[in-house]
């Protein structure tokens, strides 16, 4: 299964840049515009899909944003998906979050919710699951790439 161009309009483009999807047959991607400033993005499985477990911050089915394709500088703030939900932040320049890792314990590189602030306009974006939050993950820089994966 390869990454491919998103099959829907990318409403997050001004904040998060280019997006690609990694979805197998039987999974659909949909957006629903609630009003001028609110919308939802859904990944829906229409059949049973089985995968080998690879890790909490390495989803098999996901949308991938590449924030480096955005010209305006952004700031990122969220809470890590680990004990205590400690806050983490990063800039668009490096997209490196401090997950408070130690050599003997590496926390998953995942965040929910994630706030994105456009430094020029002051506009904000909140990425958060509306339901089934235990079945979702927003992985950041998992392989050293400047990317966000929501799956």
C-alpha atoms as a PDB file:
ATOM      1  CA  UNK A   1       0.000   0.000   0.000  1.00  0.00           C
ATOM      2  CA  UNK A   2       1.570   3.258  -1.170  1.00  0.00           C
ATOM      3  CA  UNK A   3       0.995   6.847  -0.145  1.00  0.00           C
ATOM      4  CA  UNK A   4      -1.137   8.658  -2.684  1.00  0.00           C
ATOM      5  CA  UNK A   5      -2.562  12.120  -3.222  1.00  0.00           C
ATOM      6  CA  UNK A   6      -5.570  12.840  -1.048  1.00  0.00           C
ATOM      7  CA  UNK A   7      -8.808  11.933  -2.791  1.00  0.00           C
ATOM      8  CA  UNK A   8     -10.680  14.862  -1.196  1.00  0.00           C
ATOM      9  CA  UNK A   9     -10.118  18.616  -0.884  1.00  0.00           C
ATOM     10  CA  UNK A  10      -7.440  19.420   1.706  1.00  0.00           C
ATOM     11  CA  UNK A  11      -9.084  21.883   4.122  1.00  0.00           C
ATOM     12  CA  UNK A  12      -5.973  21.906   6.344  1.00  0.00           C
ATOM     13  CA  UNK A  13      -3.624  22.986   3.545  1.00  0.00           C
ATOM     14  CA  UNK A  14      -3.086  26.569   4.727  1.00  0.00           C
ATOM     15  CA  UNK A  15      -2.011  25.272   8.154  1.00  0.00           C
ATOM     16  CA  UNK A  16      -0.409  21.903   7.523  1.00  0.00           C
ATOM     17  CA  UNK A  17       0.563  21.907   3.852  1.00  0.00           C
ATOM     18  CA  UNK A  18       0.480  19.011   1.441  1.00  0.00           C
ATOM     19  CA  UNK A  19      -1.388  15.883   2.470  1.00  0.00           C
ATOM     20  CA  UNK A  20      -1.268  12.291   1.311  1.00  0.00           C
ATOM     21  CA  UNK A  21      -3.296   9.270   2.332  1.00  0.00           C
ATOM     22  CA  UNK A  22      -2.337   5.669   3.011  1.00  0.00           C
ATOM     23  CA  UNK A  23      -5.555   3.707   2.928  1.00  0.00           C
ATOM     24  CA  UNK A  24      -6.219   0.135   1.739  1.00  0.00           C
ATOM     25  CA  UNK A  25      -9.211  -0.976  -0.298  1.00  0.00           C
ATOM     26  CA  UNK A  26     -12.275  -0.864   1.891  1.00  0.00           C
ATOM     27  CA  UNK A  27     -11.369   2.416   3.651  1.00  0.00           C
ATOM     28  CA  UNK A  28     -12.910   5.720   2.609  1.00  0.00           C
ATOM     29  CA  UNK A  29     -11.778   9.283   3.370  1.00  0.00           C
ATOM     30  CA  UNK A  30     -14.469  11.942   3.699  1.00  0.00           C
ATOM     31  CA  UNK A  31     -14.740  15.558   4.799  1.00  0.00           C
ATOM     32  CA  UNK A  32     -17.814  17.301   6.091  1.00  0.00           C
ATOM     33  CA  UNK A  33     -17.904  21.097   6.251  1.00  0.00           C
ATOM     34  CA  UNK A  34     -19.928  22.088   9.315  1.00  0.00           C
ATOM     35  CA  UNK A  35     -19.645  25.848   8.714  1.00  0.00           C
ATOM     36  CA  UNK A  36     -17.101  28.349   7.394  1.00  0.00           C
ATOM     37  CA  UNK A  37     -14.517  27.504  10.067  1.00  0.00           C
ATOM     38  CA  UNK A  38     -15.355  23.936  11.138  1.00  0.00           C
ATOM     39  CA  UNK A  39     -15.134  20.624   9.347  1.00  0.00           C
ATOM     40  CA  UNK A  40     -14.495  16.976  10.054  1.00  0.00           C
ATOM     41  CA  UNK A  41     -12.274  14.462   8.288  1.00  0.00           C
ATOM     42  CA  UNK A  42     -13.208  10.785   8.564  1.00  0.00           C
ATOM     43  CA  UNK A  43     -11.392   7.550   7.778  1.00  0.00           C
ATOM     44  CA  UNK A  44     -14.002   4.791   7.683  1.00  0.00           C
ATOM     45  CA  UNK A  45     -13.380   1.056   7.288  1.00  0.00           C
ATOM     46  CA  UNK A  46     -16.136  -0.605   5.267  1.00  0.00           C
ATOM     47  CA  UNK A  47     -14.826  -4.109   5.967  1.00  0.00           C
ATOM     48  CA  UNK A  48     -12.600  -5.913   8.473  1.00  0.00           C
ATOM     49  CA  UNK A  49      -8.930  -4.989   7.979  1.00  0.00           C
ATOM     50  CA  UNK A  50      -6.129  -6.852   9.735  1.00  0.00           C
ATOM     51  CA  UNK A  51      -2.529  -5.708  10.210  1.00  0.00           C
ATOM     52  CA  UNK A  52       0.490  -6.820  12.169  1.00  0.00           C
ATOM     53  CA  UNK A  53       1.139  -4.608  15.158  1.00  0.00           C
ATOM     54  CA  UNK A  54       4.061  -2.228  14.537  1.00  0.00           C
ATOM     55  CA  UNK A  55       3.868   0.258  17.374  1.00  0.00           C
ATOM     56  CA  UNK A  56       1.603   2.838  18.913  1.00  0.00           C
ATOM     57  CA  UNK A  57       3.007   5.742  16.913  1.00  0.00           C
ATOM     58  CA  UNK A  58       3.198   3.908  13.561  1.00  0.00           C
ATOM     59  CA  UNK A  59      -0.358   3.671  12.177  1.00  0.00           C
ATOM     60  CA  UNK A  60      -1.082   1.475   9.140  1.00  0.00           C
ATOM     61  CA  UNK A  61      -3.947   3.574   7.786  1.00  0.00           C
ATOM     62  CA  UNK A  62      -3.405   7.330   7.966  1.00  0.00           C
ATOM     63  CA  UNK A  63      -3.439  10.804   6.486  1.00  0.00           C
ATOM     64  CA  UNK A  64       0.033  12.339   6.289  1.00  0.00           C
ATOM     65  CA  UNK A  65       0.690  16.090   6.372  1.00  0.00           C
ATOM     66  CA  UNK A  66       4.034  17.609   5.451  1.00  0.00           C
ATOM     67  CA  UNK A  67       4.142  20.952   7.290  1.00  0.00           C
ATOM     68  CA  UNK A  68       7.394  22.023   5.625  1.00  0.00           C
ATOM     69  CA  UNK A  69       5.383  22.798   2.480  1.00  0.00           C
ATOM     70  CA  UNK A  70       3.696  25.716   4.289  1.00  0.00           C
ATOM     71  CA  UNK A  71       5.332  29.114   3.733  1.00  0.00           C
ATOM     72  CA  UNK A  72       4.018  30.868   6.845  1.00  0.00           C
ATOM     73  CA  UNK A  73       5.764  29.908  10.075  1.00  0.00           C
ATOM     74  CA  UNK A  74       3.578  27.942  12.448  1.00  0.00           C
ATOM     75  CA  UNK A  75       3.766  26.944  16.088  1.00  0.00           C
ATOM     76  CA  UNK A  76       2.568  23.562  17.350  1.00  0.00           C
ATOM     77  CA  UNK A  77       1.369  22.714  20.856  1.00  0.00           C
ATOM     78  CA  UNK A  78      -0.169  19.526  22.177  1.00  0.00           C
ATOM     79  CA  UNK A  79      -0.256  16.932  24.910  1.00  0.00           C
ATOM     80  CA  UNK A  80       1.699  13.719  24.525  1.00  0.00           C
ATOM     81  CA  UNK A  81      -0.106  10.386  24.603  1.00  0.00           C
ATOM     82  CA  UNK A  82       1.838   9.016  27.550  1.00  0.00           C
ATOM     83  CA  UNK A  83       1.540   9.070  31.303  1.00  0.00           C
ATOM     84  CA  UNK A  84       0.701  12.509  32.696  1.00  0.00           C
ATOM     85  CA  UNK A  85      -0.090  13.908  29.191  1.00  0.00           C
ATOM     86  CA  UNK A  86       2.753  16.400  29.474  1.00  0.00           C
ATOM     87  CA  UNK A  87       2.577  19.412  27.129  1.00  0.00           C
ATOM     88  CA  UNK A  88       4.966  19.521  24.168  1.00  0.00           C
ATOM     89  CA  UNK A  89       5.627  22.199  21.557  1.00  0.00           C
ATOM     90  CA  UNK A  90       7.520  22.715  18.322  1.00  0.00           C
ATOM     91  CA  UNK A  91       7.994  25.223  15.530  1.00  0.00           C
ATOM     92  CA  UNK A  92       7.464  24.752  11.820  1.00  0.00           C
ATOM     93  CA  UNK A  93      11.206  25.227  11.345  1.00  0.00           C
ATOM     94  CA  UNK A  94      12.118  21.909  12.951  1.00  0.00           C
ATOM     95  CA  UNK A  95       8.855  20.222  14.025  1.00  0.00           C
ATOM     96  CA  UNK A  96      10.811  18.586  16.835  1.00  0.00           C
ATOM     97  CA  UNK A  97       8.720  18.004  19.917  1.00  0.00           C
ATOM     98  CA  UNK A  98      10.343  17.353  23.296  1.00  0.00           C
ATOM     99  CA  UNK A  99       8.822  14.079  24.507  1.00  0.00           C
ATOM    100  CA  UNK A 100      10.952  14.001  27.664  1.00  0.00           C
ATOM    101  CA  UNK A 101      12.574  10.726  26.620  1.00  0.00           C
ATOM    102  CA  UNK A 102      15.262   9.015  28.624  1.00  0.00           C
ATOM    103  CA  UNK A 103      17.616   6.288  27.362  1.00  0.00           C
ATOM    104  CA  UNK A 104      15.775   3.652  29.398  1.00  0.00           C
ATOM    105  CA  UNK A 105      12.304   4.826  28.364  1.00  0.00           C
ATOM    106  CA  UNK A 106      11.186   6.174  25.003  1.00  0.00           C
ATOM    107  CA  UNK A 107       7.702   7.653  24.919  1.00  0.00           C
ATOM    108  CA  UNK A 108       5.595   7.274  21.776  1.00  0.00           C
ATOM    109  CA  UNK A 109       5.809  10.284  19.487  1.00  0.00           C
ATOM    110  CA  UNK A 110       2.104  10.932  19.464  1.00  0.00           C
ATOM    111  CA  UNK A 111      -0.047  13.878  20.481  1.00  0.00           C
ATOM    112  CA  UNK A 112      -3.722  14.661  21.048  1.00  0.00           C
ATOM    113  CA  UNK A 113      -5.077  17.240  20.795  1.00  0.00           C
ATOM    114  CA  UNK A 114      -2.749  19.295  18.589  1.00  0.00           C
ATOM    115  CA  UNK A 115      -3.044  23.084  18.304  1.00  0.00           C
ATOM    116  CA  UNK A 116      -1.510  24.802  15.273  1.00  0.00           C
ATOM    117  CA  UNK A 117      -1.040  28.582  15.322  1.00  0.00           C
ATOM    118  CA  UNK A 118      -0.185  30.554  12.172  1.00  0.00           C
ATOM    119  CA  UNK A 119       2.397  33.074  13.402  1.00  0.00           C
ATOM    120  CA  UNK A 120       1.545  35.666  10.743  1.00  0.00           C
ATOM    121  CA  UNK A 121      -2.260  35.742  10.864  1.00  0.00           C
ATOM    122  CA  UNK A 122      -2.800  34.454  14.392  1.00  0.00           C
ATOM    123  CA  UNK A 123      -5.352  31.936  13.104  1.00  0.00           C
ATOM    124  CA  UNK A 124      -5.543  28.695  15.079  1.00  0.00           C
ATOM    125  CA  UNK A 125      -6.403  25.119  14.238  1.00  0.00           C
ATOM    126  CA  UNK A 126      -7.345  22.353  16.670  1.00  0.00           C
ATOM    127  CA  UNK A 127      -6.860  18.716  15.623  1.00  0.00           C
ATOM    128  CA  UNK A 128      -8.678  16.304  17.909  1.00  0.00           C
ATOM    129  CA  UNK A 129     -10.787  13.165  17.609  1.00  0.00           C
ATOM    130  CA  UNK A 130     -14.542  13.613  18.007  1.00  0.00           C
ATOM    131  CA  UNK A 131     -15.116   9.988  19.030  1.00  0.00           C
ATOM    132  CA  UNK A 132     -13.282   6.670  19.415  1.00  0.00           C
ATOM    133  CA  UNK A 133     -10.181   8.509  20.587  1.00  0.00           C
ATOM    134  CA  UNK A 134      -8.613   5.298  21.900  1.00  0.00           C
ATOM    135  CA  UNK A 135      -8.566   3.978  18.335  1.00  0.00           C
ATOM    136  CA  UNK A 136      -6.723   6.974  16.850  1.00  0.00           C
ATOM    137  CA  UNK A 137      -3.239   8.422  16.986  1.00  0.00           C
ATOM    138  CA  UNK A 138      -1.551  11.576  15.708  1.00  0.00           C
ATOM    139  CA  UNK A 139       2.076  10.534  15.258  1.00  0.00           C
ATOM    140  CA  UNK A 140       4.768  13.177  14.738  1.00  0.00           C
ATOM    141  CA  UNK A 141       8.285  12.738  13.386  1.00  0.00           C
ATOM    142  CA  UNK A 142       8.199   9.025  14.055  1.00  0.00           C
ATOM    143  CA  UNK A 143      10.913   8.187  11.543  1.00  0.00           C
ATOM    144  CA  UNK A 144      12.828  11.448  11.737  1.00  0.00           C
ATOM    145  CA  UNK A 145      10.726  12.934   8.937  1.00  0.00           C
ATOM    146  CA  UNK A 146       8.982  16.279   9.350  1.00  0.00           C
ATOM    147  CA  UNK A 147       5.483  14.872   9.121  1.00  0.00           C
ATOM    148  CA  UNK A 148       2.222  14.378  10.969  1.00  0.00           C
ATOM    149  CA  UNK A 149       0.321  11.091  10.597  1.00  0.00           C
ATOM    150  CA  UNK A 150      -3.257  10.787  11.752  1.00  0.00           C
ATOM    151  CA  UNK A 151      -4.605   7.261  11.699  1.00  0.00           C
END
